[in-house]
Amino acid sequence: CFLVALAAFFSSIDPAIQSPQDQRESLRQLFQSCLKGMAQGEQVYLY
């Protein structure tokens, strides 16, 4: 039981602790905005 508790605790780190930081660390939101623009015929460029 102790080993299962240990493994399950580590499995909890990403979904419970790390994923709330996605809004600050992930670029998905930025490119979702680009995908919406591309659907309307806008062109995406990098600088």
ModelCIF file with pLDDT and N, C-alpha, C, O atoms, coordinates in Angstrom:
data_MODEL
#
_entry.id   MODEL 
#
_entity.id                         1 
_entity.type                       polymer 
_entity.pdbx_number_of_molecules   1 
#
_entity_poly.entity_id                      1 
_entity_poly.type                           'polypeptide(L)' 
_entity_poly.nstd_linkage                   no 
_entity_poly.nstd_monomer                   no 
_entity_poly.pdbx_seq_one_letter_code       CFLVALAAFFSSIDPAIQSPQDQRESLRQLFQSCLKGMAQGEQVYLY 
_entity_poly.pdbx_seq_one_letter_code_can   CFLVALAAFFSSIDPAIQSPQDQRESLRQLFQSCLKGMAQGEQVYLY 
_entity_poly.pdbx_strand_id                 A 
#
loop_
_entity_poly_seq.entity_id 
_entity_poly_seq.num 
_entity_poly_seq.mon_id 
_entity_poly_seq.hetero 
1 1  CYS n 
1 2  PHE n 
1 3  LEU n 
1 4  VAL n 
1 5  ALA n 
1 6  LEU n 
1 7  ALA n 
1 8  ALA n 
1 9  PHE n 
1 10 PHE n 
1 11 SER n 
1 12 SER n 
1 13 ILE n 
1 14 ASP n 
1 15 PRO n 
1 16 ALA n 
1 17 ILE n 
1 18 GLN n 
1 19 SER n 
1 20 PRO n 
1 21 GLN n 
1 22 ASP n 
1 23 GLN n 
1 24 ARG n 
1 25 GLU n 
1 26 SER n 
1 27 LEU n 
1 28 ARG n 
1 29 GLN n 
1 30 LEU n 
1 31 PHE n 
1 32 GLN n 
1 33 SER n 
1 34 CYS n 
1 35 LEU n 
1 36 LYS n 
1 37 GLY n 
1 38 MET n 
1 39 ALA n 
1 40 GLN n 
1 41 GLY n 
1 42 GLU n 
1 43 GLN n 
1 44 VAL n 
1 45 TYR n 
1 46 LEU n 
1 47 TYR n 
#
_struct_asym.id          A 
_struct_asym.entity_id   1 
#
loop_
_ma_qa_metric.id 
_ma_qa_metric.mode 
_ma_qa_metric.name 
_ma_qa_metric.software_group_id 
_ma_qa_metric.type 
1 global pLDDT . pLDDT 
2 local  pLDDT . pLDDT 
#
_ma_qa_metric_global.metric_id      1 
_ma_qa_metric_global.metric_value   88.47 
_ma_qa_metric_global.model_id       1 
_ma_qa_metric_global.ordinal_id     1 
#
loop_
_ma_qa_metric_local.label_asym_id 
_ma_qa_metric_local.label_comp_id 
_ma_qa_metric_local.label_seq_id 
_ma_qa_metric_local.metric_id 
_ma_qa_metric_local.metric_value 
_ma_qa_metric_local.model_id 
_ma_qa_metric_local.ordinal_id 
A CYS 1  2 88.00 1 1  
A PHE 2  2 86.00 1 2  
A LEU 3  2 88.00 1 3  
A VAL 4  2 90.00 1 4  
A ALA 5  2 90.00 1 5  
A LEU 6  2 89.00 1 6  
A ALA 7  2 91.00 1 7  
A ALA 8  2 90.00 1 8  
A PHE 9  2 90.00 1 9  
A PHE 10 2 91.00 1 10 
A SER 11 2 91.00 1 11 
A SER 12 2 90.00 1 12 
A ILE 13 2 89.00 1 13 
A ASP 14 2 89.00 1 14 
A PRO 15 2 88.00 1 15 
A ALA 16 2 86.00 1 16 
A ILE 17 2 85.00 1 17 
A GLN 18 2 86.00 1 18 
A SER 19 2 84.00 1 19 
A PRO 20 2 82.00 1 20 
A GLN 21 2 85.00 1 21 
A ASP 22 2 83.00 1 22 
A GLN 23 2 81.00 1 23 
A ARG 24 2 83.00 1 24 
A GLU 25 2 87.00 1 25 
A SER 26 2 89.00 1 26 
A LEU 27 2 90.00 1 27 
A ARG 28 2 90.00 1 28 
A GLN 29 2 87.00 1 29 
A LEU 30 2 88.00 1 30 
A PHE 31 2 91.00 1 31 
A GLN 32 2 89.00 1 32 
A SER 33 2 87.00 1 33 
A CYS 34 2 90.00 1 34 
A LEU 35 2 91.00 1 35 
A LYS 36 2 90.00 1 36 
A GLY 37 2 89.00 1 37 
A MET 38 2 90.00 1 38 
A ALA 39 2 91.00 1 39 
A GLN 40 2 90.00 1 40 
A GLY 41 2 89.00 1 41 
A GLU 42 2 89.00 1 42 
A GLN 43 2 91.00 1 43 
A VAL 44 2 92.00 1 44 
A TYR 45 2 92.00 1 45 
A LEU 46 2 92.00 1 46 
A TYR 47 2 89.00 1 47 
#
loop_
_atom_site.group_PDB 
_atom_site.id 
_atom_site.type_symbol 
_atom_site.label_atom_id 
_atom_site.label_alt_id 
_atom_site.label_comp_id 
_atom_site.label_asym_id 
_atom_site.label_entity_id 
_atom_site.label_seq_id 
_atom_site.pdbx_PDB_ins_code 
_atom_site.Cartn_x 
_atom_site.Cartn_y 
_atom_site.Cartn_z 
_atom_site.occupancy 
_atom_site.B_iso_or_equiv 
_atom_site.pdbx_formal_charge 
_atom_site.auth_seq_id 
_atom_site.auth_comp_id 
_atom_site.auth_asym_id 
_atom_site.auth_atom_id 
_atom_site.pdbx_PDB_model_num 
ATOM 1   N N  . CYS A 1 1  ? 0.831   -1.214 0.000   1.00 88.00 ? 1  CYS A N  1 
ATOM 2   C CA . CYS A 1 1  ? 0.000   0.000  0.000   1.00 88.00 ? 1  CYS A CA 1 
ATOM 3   C C  . CYS A 1 1  ? 0.861   1.258  0.000   1.00 88.00 ? 1  CYS A C  1 
ATOM 4   O O  . CYS A 1 1  ? 0.540   2.245  -0.661  1.00 88.00 ? 1  CYS A O  1 
ATOM 5   N N  . PHE A 1 2  ? 1.953   1.207  0.747   1.00 86.00 ? 2  PHE A N  1 
ATOM 6   C CA . PHE A 1 2  ? 2.840   2.374  0.810   1.00 86.00 ? 2  PHE A CA 1 
ATOM 7   C C  . PHE A 1 2  ? 3.431   2.681  -0.563  1.00 86.00 ? 2  PHE A C  1 
ATOM 8   O O  . PHE A 1 2  ? 3.491   3.841  -0.970  1.00 86.00 ? 2  PHE A O  1 
ATOM 9   N N  . LEU A 1 3  ? 3.868   1.640  -1.279  1.00 88.00 ? 3  LEU A N  1 
ATOM 10  C CA . LEU A 1 3  ? 4.456   1.854  -2.602  1.00 88.00 ? 3  LEU A CA 1 
ATOM 11  C C  . LEU A 1 3  ? 3.421   2.385  -3.591  1.00 88.00 ? 3  LEU A C  1 
ATOM 12  O O  . LEU A 1 3  ? 3.734   3.243  -4.416  1.00 88.00 ? 3  LEU A O  1 
ATOM 13  N N  . VAL A 1 4  ? 2.197   1.881  -3.510  1.00 90.00 ? 4  VAL A N  1 
ATOM 14  C CA . VAL A 1 4  ? 1.134   2.403  -4.384  1.00 90.00 ? 4  VAL A CA 1 
ATOM 15  C C  . VAL A 1 4  ? 0.856   3.869  -4.065  1.00 90.00 ? 4  VAL A C  1 
ATOM 16  O O  . VAL A 1 4  ? 0.677   4.681  -4.972  1.00 90.00 ? 4  VAL A O  1 
ATOM 17  N N  . ALA A 1 5  ? 0.821   4.206  -2.774  1.00 90.00 ? 5  ALA A N  1 
ATOM 18  C CA . ALA A 1 5  ? 0.609   5.600  -2.386  1.00 90.00 ? 5  ALA A CA 1 
ATOM 19  C C  . ALA A 1 5  ? 1.716   6.499  -2.917  1.00 90.00 ? 5  ALA A C  1 
ATOM 20  O O  . ALA A 1 5  ? 1.460   7.610  -3.381  1.00 90.00 ? 5  ALA A O  1 
ATOM 21  N N  . LEU A 1 6  ? 2.961   6.004  -2.844  1.00 89.00 ? 6  LEU A N  1 
ATOM 22  C CA . LEU A 1 6  ? 4.102   6.772  -3.351  1.00 89.00 ? 6  LEU A CA 1 
ATOM 23  C C  . LEU A 1 6  ? 3.973   7.008  -4.850  1.00 89.00 ? 6  LEU A C  1 
ATOM 24  O O  . LEU A 1 6  ? 4.132   8.136  -5.315  1.00 89.00 ? 6  LEU A O  1 
ATOM 25  N N  . ALA A 1 7  ? 3.685   5.949  -5.613  1.00 91.00 ? 7  ALA A N  1 
ATOM 26  C CA . ALA A 1 7  ? 3.575   6.081  -7.068  1.00 91.00 ? 7  ALA A CA 1 
ATOM 27  C C  . ALA A 1 7  ? 2.404   6.965  -7.456  1.00 91.00 ? 7  ALA A C  1 
ATOM 28  O O  . ALA A 1 7  ? 2.527   7.791  -8.361  1.00 91.00 ? 7  ALA A O  1 
ATOM 29  N N  . ALA A 1 8  ? 1.269   6.805  -6.786  1.00 90.00 ? 8  ALA A N  1 
ATOM 30  C CA . ALA A 1 8  ? 0.093   7.631  -7.109  1.00 90.00 ? 8  ALA A CA 1 
ATOM 31  C C  . ALA A 1 8  ? 0.336   9.097  -6.782  1.00 90.00 ? 8  ALA A C  1 
ATOM 32  O O  . ALA A 1 8  ? -0.163  9.980  -7.479  1.00 90.00 ? 8  ALA A O  1 
ATOM 33  N N  . PHE A 1 9  ? 1.101   9.361  -5.727  1.00 90.00 ? 9  PHE A N  1 
ATOM 34  C CA . PHE A 1 9  ? 1.425   10.762 -5.402  1.00 90.00 ? 9  PHE A CA 1 
ATOM 35  C C  . PHE A 1 9  ? 2.230   11.408 -6.522  1.00 90.00 ? 9  PHE A C  1 
ATOM 36  O O  . PHE A 1 9  ? 1.947   12.539 -6.919  1.00 90.00 ? 9  PHE A O  1 
ATOM 37  N N  . PHE A 1 10 ? 3.232   10.695 -7.034  1.00 91.00 ? 10 PHE A N  1 
ATOM 38  C CA . PHE A 1 10 ? 4.029   11.254 -8.119  1.00 91.00 ? 10 PHE A CA 1 
ATOM 39  C C  . PHE A 1 10 ? 3.200   11.407 -9.393  1.00 91.00 ? 10 PHE A C  1 
ATOM 40  O O  . PHE A 1 10 ? 3.422   12.339 -10.166 1.00 91.00 ? 10 PHE A O  1 
ATOM 41  N N  . SER A 1 11 ? 2.249   10.505 -9.617  1.00 91.00 ? 11 SER A N  1 
ATOM 42  C CA . SER A 1 11 ? 1.375   10.642 -10.780 1.00 91.00 ? 11 SER A CA 1 
ATOM 43  C C  . SER A 1 11 ? 0.470   11.864 -10.667 1.00 91.00 ? 11 SER A C  1 
ATOM 44  O O  . SER A 1 11 ? -0.046  12.349 -11.674 1.00 91.00 ? 11 SER A O  1 
ATOM 45  N N  . SER A 1 12 ? 0.275   12.361 -9.452  1.00 90.00 ? 12 SER A N  1 
ATOM 46  C CA . SER A 1 12 ? -0.606  13.509 -9.238  1.00 90.00 ? 12 SER A CA 1 
ATOM 47  C C  . SER A 1 12 ? 0.072   14.841 -9.518  1.00 90.00 ? 12 SER A C  1 
ATOM 48  O O  . SER A 1 12 ? -0.601  15.863 -9.649  1.00 90.00 ? 12 SER A O  1 
ATOM 49  N N  . ILE A 1 13 ? 1.395   14.840 -9.609  1.00 89.00 ? 13 ILE A N  1 
ATOM 50  C CA . ILE A 1 13 ? 2.117   16.112 -9.673  1.00 89.00 ? 13 ILE A CA 1 
ATOM 51  C C  . ILE A 1 13 ? 1.780   16.890 -10.934 1.00 89.00 ? 13 ILE A C  1 
ATOM 52  O O  . ILE A 1 13 ? 1.482   18.083 -10.872 1.00 89.00 ? 13 ILE A O  1 
ATOM 53  N N  . ASP A 1 14 ? 1.824   16.213 -12.085 1.00 89.00 ? 14 ASP A N  1 
ATOM 54  C CA . ASP A 1 14 ? 1.532   16.928 -13.330 1.00 89.00 ? 14 ASP A CA 1 
ATOM 55  C C  . ASP A 1 14 ? 0.090   17.434 -13.397 1.00 89.00 ? 14 ASP A C  1 
ATOM 56  O O  . ASP A 1 14 ? -0.119  18.629 -13.607 1.00 89.00 ? 14 ASP A O  1 
ATOM 57  N N  . PRO A 1 15 ? -0.916  16.560 -13.224 1.00 88.00 ? 15 PRO A N  1 
ATOM 58  C CA . PRO A 1 15 ? -2.286  17.054 -13.372 1.00 88.00 ? 15 PRO A CA 1 
ATOM 59  C C  . PRO A 1 15 ? -2.724  18.022 -12.280 1.00 88.00 ? 15 PRO A C  1 
ATOM 60  O O  . PRO A 1 15 ? -3.530  18.916 -12.539 1.00 88.00 ? 15 PRO A O  1 
ATOM 61  N N  . ALA A 1 16 ? -2.208  17.861 -11.065 1.00 86.00 ? 16 ALA A N  1 
ATOM 62  C CA . ALA A 1 16 ? -2.697  18.690 -9.966  1.00 86.00 ? 16 ALA A CA 1 
ATOM 63  C C  . ALA A 1 16 ? -1.838  19.911 -9.688  1.00 86.00 ? 16 ALA A C  1 
ATOM 64  O O  . ALA A 1 16 ? -2.352  20.928 -9.223  1.00 86.00 ? 16 ALA A O  1 
ATOM 65  N N  . ILE A 1 17 ? -0.535  19.834 -9.963  1.00 85.00 ? 17 ILE A N  1 
ATOM 66  C CA . ILE A 1 17 ? 0.369   20.939 -9.610  1.00 85.00 ? 17 ILE A CA 1 
ATOM 67  C C  . ILE A 1 17 ? 0.909   21.649 -10.846 1.00 85.00 ? 17 ILE A C  1 
ATOM 68  O O  . ILE A 1 17 ? 0.931   22.879 -10.893 1.00 85.00 ? 17 ILE A O  1 
ATOM 69  N N  . GLN A 1 18 ? 1.344   20.887 -11.845 1.00 86.00 ? 18 GLN A N  1 
ATOM 70  C CA . GLN A 1 18 ? 1.981   21.497 -13.008 1.00 86.00 ? 18 GLN A CA 1 
ATOM 71  C C  . GLN A 1 18 ? 0.980   22.058 -14.016 1.00 86.00 ? 18 GLN A C  1 
ATOM 72  O O  . GLN A 1 18 ? 1.188   23.146 -14.553 1.00 86.00 ? 18 GLN A O  1 
ATOM 73  N N  . SER A 1 19 ? -0.102  21.328 -14.277 1.00 84.00 ? 19 SER A N  1 
ATOM 74  C CA . SER A 1 19 ? -1.021  21.783 -15.326 1.00 84.00 ? 19 SER A CA 1 
ATOM 75  C C  . SER A 1 19 ? -1.653  23.146 -15.048 1.00 84.00 ? 19 SER A C  1 
ATOM 76  O O  . SER A 1 19 ? -1.915  23.873 -16.007 1.00 84.00 ? 19 SER A O  1 
ATOM 77  N N  . PRO A 1 20 ? -1.918  23.546 -13.784 1.00 82.00 ? 20 PRO A N  1 
ATOM 78  C CA . PRO A 1 20 ? -2.419  24.911 -13.580 1.00 82.00 ? 20 PRO A CA 1 
ATOM 79  C C  . PRO A 1 20 ? -1.458  26.008 -14.046 1.00 82.00 ? 20 PRO A C  1 
ATOM 80  O O  . PRO A 1 20 ? -1.863  27.158 -14.214 1.00 82.00 ? 20 PRO A O  1 
ATOM 81  N N  . GLN A 1 21 ? -0.182  25.650 -14.256 1.00 85.00 ? 21 GLN A N  1 
ATOM 82  C CA . GLN A 1 21 ? 0.781   26.649 -14.729 1.00 85.00 ? 21 GLN A CA 1 
ATOM 83  C C  . GLN A 1 21 ? 0.822   26.765 -16.254 1.00 85.00 ? 21 GLN A C  1 
ATOM 84  O O  . GLN A 1 21 ? 1.576   27.571 -16.798 1.00 85.00 ? 21 GLN A O  1 
ATOM 85  N N  . ASP A 1 22 ? 0.006   25.954 -16.943 1.00 83.00 ? 22 ASP A N  1 
ATOM 86  C CA . ASP A 1 22 ? 0.025   25.979 -18.407 1.00 83.00 ? 22 ASP A CA 1 
ATOM 87  C C  . ASP A 1 22 ? -0.285  27.356 -18.966 1.00 83.00 ? 22 ASP A C  1 
ATOM 88  O O  . ASP A 1 22 ? 0.262   27.752 -19.995 1.00 83.00 ? 22 ASP A O  1 
ATOM 89  N N  . GLN A 1 23 ? -1.153  28.080 -18.296 1.00 81.00 ? 23 GLN A N  1 
ATOM 90  C CA . GLN A 1 23 ? -1.533  29.387 -18.813 1.00 81.00 ? 23 GLN A CA 1 
ATOM 91  C C  . GLN A 1 23 ? -0.342  30.333 -18.877 1.00 81.00 ? 23 GLN A C  1 
ATOM 92  O O  . GLN A 1 23 ? -0.291  31.214 -19.735 1.00 81.00 ? 23 GLN A O  1 
ATOM 93  N N  . ARG A 1 24 ? 0.619   30.151 -17.967 1.00 83.00 ? 24 ARG A N  1 
ATOM 94  C CA . ARG A 1 24 ? 1.809   31.002 -17.957 1.00 83.00 ? 24 ARG A CA 1 
ATOM 95  C C  . ARG A 1 24 ? 2.930   30.451 -18.826 1.00 83.00 ? 24 ARG A C  1 
ATOM 96  O O  . ARG A 1 24 ? 3.694   31.219 -19.410 1.00 83.00 ? 24 ARG A O  1 
ATOM 97  N N  . GLU A 1 25 ? 3.039   29.121 -18.921 1.00 87.00 ? 25 GLU A N  1 
ATOM 98  C CA . GLU A 1 25 ? 4.203   28.509 -19.548 1.00 87.00 ? 25 GLU A CA 1 
ATOM 99  C C  . GLU A 1 25 ? 3.955   27.976 -20.961 1.00 87.00 ? 25 GLU A C  1 
ATOM 100 O O  . GLU A 1 25 ? 4.902   27.821 -21.731 1.00 87.00 ? 25 GLU A O  1 
ATOM 101 N N  . SER A 1 26 ? 2.706   27.697 -21.310 1.00 89.00 ? 26 SER A N  1 
ATOM 102 C CA . SER A 1 26 ? 2.404   27.096 -22.603 1.00 89.00 ? 26 SER A CA 1 
ATOM 103 C C  . SER A 1 26 ? 2.098   28.176 -23.640 1.00 89.00 ? 26 SER A C  1 
ATOM 104 O O  . SER A 1 26 ? 1.582   29.247 -23.322 1.00 89.00 ? 26 SER A O  1 
ATOM 105 N N  . LEU A 1 27 ? 2.434   27.856 -24.891 1.00 90.00 ? 27 LEU A N  1 
ATOM 106 C CA . LEU A 1 27 ? 2.155   28.761 -26.011 1.00 90.00 ? 27 LEU A CA 1 
ATOM 107 C C  . LEU A 1 27 ? 0.898   28.360 -26.786 1.00 90.00 ? 27 LEU A C  1 
ATOM 108 O O  . LEU A 1 27 ? 0.633   28.901 -27.859 1.00 90.00 ? 27 LEU A O  1 
ATOM 109 N N  . ARG A 1 28 ? 0.134   27.422 -26.252 1.00 90.00 ? 28 ARG A N  1 
ATOM 110 C CA . ARG A 1 28 ? -1.057  26.956 -26.956 1.00 90.00 ? 28 ARG A CA 1 
ATOM 111 C C  . ARG A 1 28 ? -2.057  28.092 -27.174 1.00 90.00 ? 28 ARG A C  1 
ATOM 112 O O  . ARG A 1 28 ? -2.634  28.206 -28.255 1.00 90.00 ? 28 ARG A O  1 
ATOM 113 N N  . GLN A 1 29 ? -2.265  28.928 -26.161 1.00 87.00 ? 29 GLN A N  1 
ATOM 114 C CA . GLN A 1 29 ? -3.234  30.022 -26.278 1.00 87.00 ? 29 GLN A CA 1 
ATOM 115 C C  . GLN A 1 29 ? -2.868  30.951 -27.428 1.00 87.00 ? 29 GLN A C  1 
ATOM 116 O O  . GLN A 1 29 ? -3.740  31.408 -28.166 1.00 87.00 ? 29 GLN A O  1 
ATOM 117 N N  . LEU A 1 30 ? -1.579  31.228 -27.576 1.00 88.00 ? 30 LEU A N  1 
ATOM 118 C CA . LEU A 1 30 ? -1.133  32.112 -28.648 1.00 88.00 ? 30 LEU A CA 1 
ATOM 119 C C  . LEU A 1 30 ? -1.464  31.527 -30.019 1.00 88.00 ? 30 LEU A C  1 
ATOM 120 O O  . LEU A 1 30 ? -1.964  32.236 -30.892 1.00 88.00 ? 30 LEU A O  1 
ATOM 121 N N  . PHE A 1 31 ? -1.191  30.248 -30.210 1.00 91.00 ? 31 PHE A N  1 
ATOM 122 C CA . PHE A 1 31 ? -1.402  29.652 -31.529 1.00 91.00 ? 31 PHE A CA 1 
ATOM 123 C C  . PHE A 1 31 ? -2.858  29.294 -31.778 1.00 91.00 ? 31 PHE A C  1 
ATOM 124 O O  . PHE A 1 31 ? -3.266  29.150 -32.931 1.00 91.00 ? 31 PHE A O  1 
ATOM 125 N N  . GLN A 1 32 ? -3.646  29.149 -30.726 1.00 89.00 ? 32 GLN A N  1 
ATOM 126 C CA . GLN A 1 32 ? -5.084  29.017 -30.933 1.00 89.00 ? 32 GLN A CA 1 
ATOM 127 C C  . GLN A 1 32 ? -5.654  30.306 -31.513 1.00 89.00 ? 32 GLN A C  1 
ATOM 128 O O  . GLN A 1 32 ? -6.563  30.280 -32.342 1.00 89.00 ? 32 GLN A O  1 
ATOM 129 N N  . SER A 1 33 ? -5.107  31.436 -31.064 1.00 87.00 ? 33 SER A N  1 
ATOM 130 C CA . SER A 1 33 ? -5.505  32.720 -31.650 1.00 87.00 ? 33 SER A CA 1 
ATOM 131 C C  . SER A 1 33 ? -5.129  32.776 -33.128 1.00 87.00 ? 33 SER A C  1 
ATOM 132 O O  . SER A 1 33 ? -5.893  33.282 -33.951 1.00 87.00 ? 33 SER A O  1 
ATOM 133 N N  . CYS A 1 34 ? -3.942  32.250 -33.462 1.00 90.00 ? 34 CYS A N  1 
ATOM 134 C CA . CYS A 1 34 ? -3.520  32.236 -34.863 1.00 90.00 ? 34 CYS A CA 1 
ATOM 135 C C  . CYS A 1 34 ? -4.401  31.325 -35.709 1.00 90.00 ? 34 CYS A C  1 
ATOM 136 O O  . CYS A 1 34 ? -4.726  31.649 -36.851 1.00 90.00 ? 34 CYS A O  1 
ATOM 137 N N  . LEU A 1 35 ? -4.787  30.178 -35.140 1.00 91.00 ? 35 LEU A N  1 
ATOM 138 C CA . LEU A 1 35 ? -5.650  29.262 -35.883 1.00 91.00 ? 35 LEU A CA 1 
ATOM 139 C C  . LEU A 1 35 ? -6.993  29.897 -36.209 1.00 91.00 ? 35 LEU A C  1 
ATOM 140 O O  . LEU A 1 35 ? -7.533  29.686 -37.295 1.00 91.00 ? 35 LEU A O  1 
ATOM 141 N N  . LYS A 1 36 ? -7.533  30.671 -35.280 1.00 90.00 ? 36 LYS A N  1 
ATOM 142 C CA . LYS A 1 36 ? -8.795  31.369 -35.546 1.00 90.00 ? 36 LYS A CA 1 
ATOM 143 C C  . LYS A 1 36 ? -8.614  32.383 -36.677 1.00 90.00 ? 36 LYS A C  1 
ATOM 144 O O  . LYS A 1 36 ? -9.473  32.514 -37.550 1.00 90.00 ? 36 LYS A O  1 
ATOM 145 N N  . GLY A 1 37 ? -7.492  33.094 -36.650 1.00 89.00 ? 37 GLY A N  1 
ATOM 146 C CA . GLY A 1 37 ? -7.229  34.056 -37.716 1.00 89.00 ? 37 GLY A CA 1 
ATOM 147 C C  . GLY A 1 37 ? -7.030  33.385 -39.061 1.00 89.00 ? 37 GLY A C  1 
ATOM 148 O O  . GLY A 1 37 ? -7.515  33.877 -40.080 1.00 89.00 ? 37 GLY A O  1 
ATOM 149 N N  . MET A 1 38 ? -6.317  32.258 -39.073 1.00 90.00 ? 38 MET A N  1 
ATOM 150 C CA . MET A 1 38 ? -6.094  31.536 -40.323 1.00 90.00 ? 38 MET A CA 1 
ATOM 151 C C  . MET A 1 38 ? -7.406  31.018 -40.907 1.00 90.00 ? 38 MET A C  1 
ATOM 152 O O  . MET A 1 38 ? -7.570  30.962 -42.125 1.00 90.00 ? 38 MET A O  1 
ATOM 153 N N  . ALA A 1 39 ? -8.334  30.643 -40.038 1.00 91.00 ? 39 ALA A N  1 
ATOM 154 C CA . ALA A 1 39 ? -9.635  30.193 -40.523 1.00 91.00 ? 39 ALA A CA 1 
ATOM 155 C C  . ALA A 1 39 ? -10.396 31.312 -41.231 1.00 91.00 ? 39 ALA A C  1 
ATOM 156 O O  . ALA A 1 39 ? -11.280 31.050 -42.047 1.00 91.00 ? 39 ALA A O  1 
ATOM 157 N N  . GLN A 1 40 ? -10.047 32.562 -40.914 1.00 90.00 ? 40 GLN A N  1 
ATOM 158 C CA . GLN A 1 40 ? -10.692 33.714 -41.541 1.00 90.00 ? 40 GLN A CA 1 
ATOM 159 C C  . GLN A 1 40 ? -9.854  34.292 -42.678 1.00 90.00 ? 40 GLN A C  1 
ATOM 160 O O  . GLN A 1 40 ? -10.151 35.379 -43.172 1.00 90.00 ? 40 GLN A O  1 
ATOM 161 N N  . GLY A 1 41 ? -8.811  33.576 -43.096 1.00 89.00 ? 41 GLY A N  1 
ATOM 162 C CA . GLY A 1 41 ? -7.999  33.998 -44.221 1.00 89.00 ? 41 GLY A CA 1 
ATOM 163 C C  . GLY A 1 41 ? -6.817  34.873 -43.868 1.00 89.00 ? 41 GLY A C  1 
ATOM 164 O O  . GLY A 1 41 ? -6.148  35.384 -44.767 1.00 89.00 ? 41 GLY A O  1 
ATOM 165 N N  . GLU A 1 42 ? -6.537  35.063 -42.592 1.00 89.00 ? 42 GLU A N  1 
ATOM 166 C CA . GLU A 1 42 ? -5.382  35.884 -42.187 1.00 89.00 ? 42 GLU A CA 1 
ATOM 167 C C  . GLU A 1 42 ? -4.099  35.068 -42.300 1.00 89.00 ? 42 GLU A C  1 
ATOM 168 O O  . GLU A 1 42 ? -4.114  33.844 -42.167 1.00 89.00 ? 42 GLU A O  1 
ATOM 169 N N  . GLN A 1 43 ? -2.979  35.770 -42.549 1.00 91.00 ? 43 GLN A N  1 
ATOM 170 C CA . GLN A 1 43 ? -1.691  35.116 -42.749 1.00 91.00 ? 43 GLN A CA 1 
ATOM 171 C C  . GLN A 1 43 ? -0.816  35.295 -41.507 1.00 91.00 ? 43 GLN A C  1 
ATOM 172 O O  . GLN A 1 43 ? -0.746  36.382 -40.935 1.00 91.00 ? 43 GLN A O  1 
ATOM 173 N N  . VAL A 1 44 ? -0.145  34.202 -41.096 1.00 92.00 ? 44 VAL A N  1 
ATOM 174 C CA . VAL A 1 44 ? 0.692   34.220 -39.901 1.00 92.00 ? 44 VAL A CA 1 
ATOM 175 C C  . VAL A 1 44 ? 2.158   34.326 -40.309 1.00 92.00 ? 44 VAL A C  1 
ATOM 176 O O  . VAL A 1 44 ? 2.621   33.604 -41.192 1.00 92.00 ? 44 VAL A O  1 
ATOM 177 N N  . TYR A 1 45 ? 2.883   35.235 -39.653 1.00 92.00 ? 45 TYR A N  1 
ATOM 178 C CA . TYR A 1 45 ? 4.312   35.425 -39.899 1.00 92.00 ? 45 TYR A CA 1 
ATOM 179 C C  . TYR A 1 45 ? 5.037   35.513 -38.556 1.00 92.00 ? 45 TYR A C  1 
ATOM 180 O O  . TYR A 1 45 ? 4.453   35.877 -37.536 1.00 92.00 ? 45 TYR A O  1 
ATOM 181 N N  . LEU A 1 46 ? 6.332   35.167 -38.588 1.00 92.00 ? 46 LEU A N  1 
ATOM 182 C CA . LEU A 1 46 ? 7.197   35.274 -37.417 1.00 92.00 ? 46 LEU A CA 1 
ATOM 183 C C  . LEU A 1 46 ? 8.193   36.406 -37.623 1.00 92.00 ? 46 LEU A C  1 
ATOM 184 O O  . LEU A 1 46 ? 8.645   36.663 -38.739 1.00 92.00 ? 46 LEU A O  1 
ATOM 185 N N  . TYR A 1 47 ? 8.528   37.081 -36.517 1.00 89.00 ? 47 TYR A N  1 
ATOM 186 C CA . TYR A 1 47 ? 9.517   38.151 -36.581 1.00 89.00 ? 47 TYR A CA 1 
ATOM 187 C C  . TYR A 1 47 ? 10.635  37.842 -35.592 1.00 89.00 ? 47 TYR A C  1 
ATOM 188 O O  . TYR A 1 47 ? 11.586  38.615 -35.474 1.00 89.00 ? 47 TYR A O  1 
#
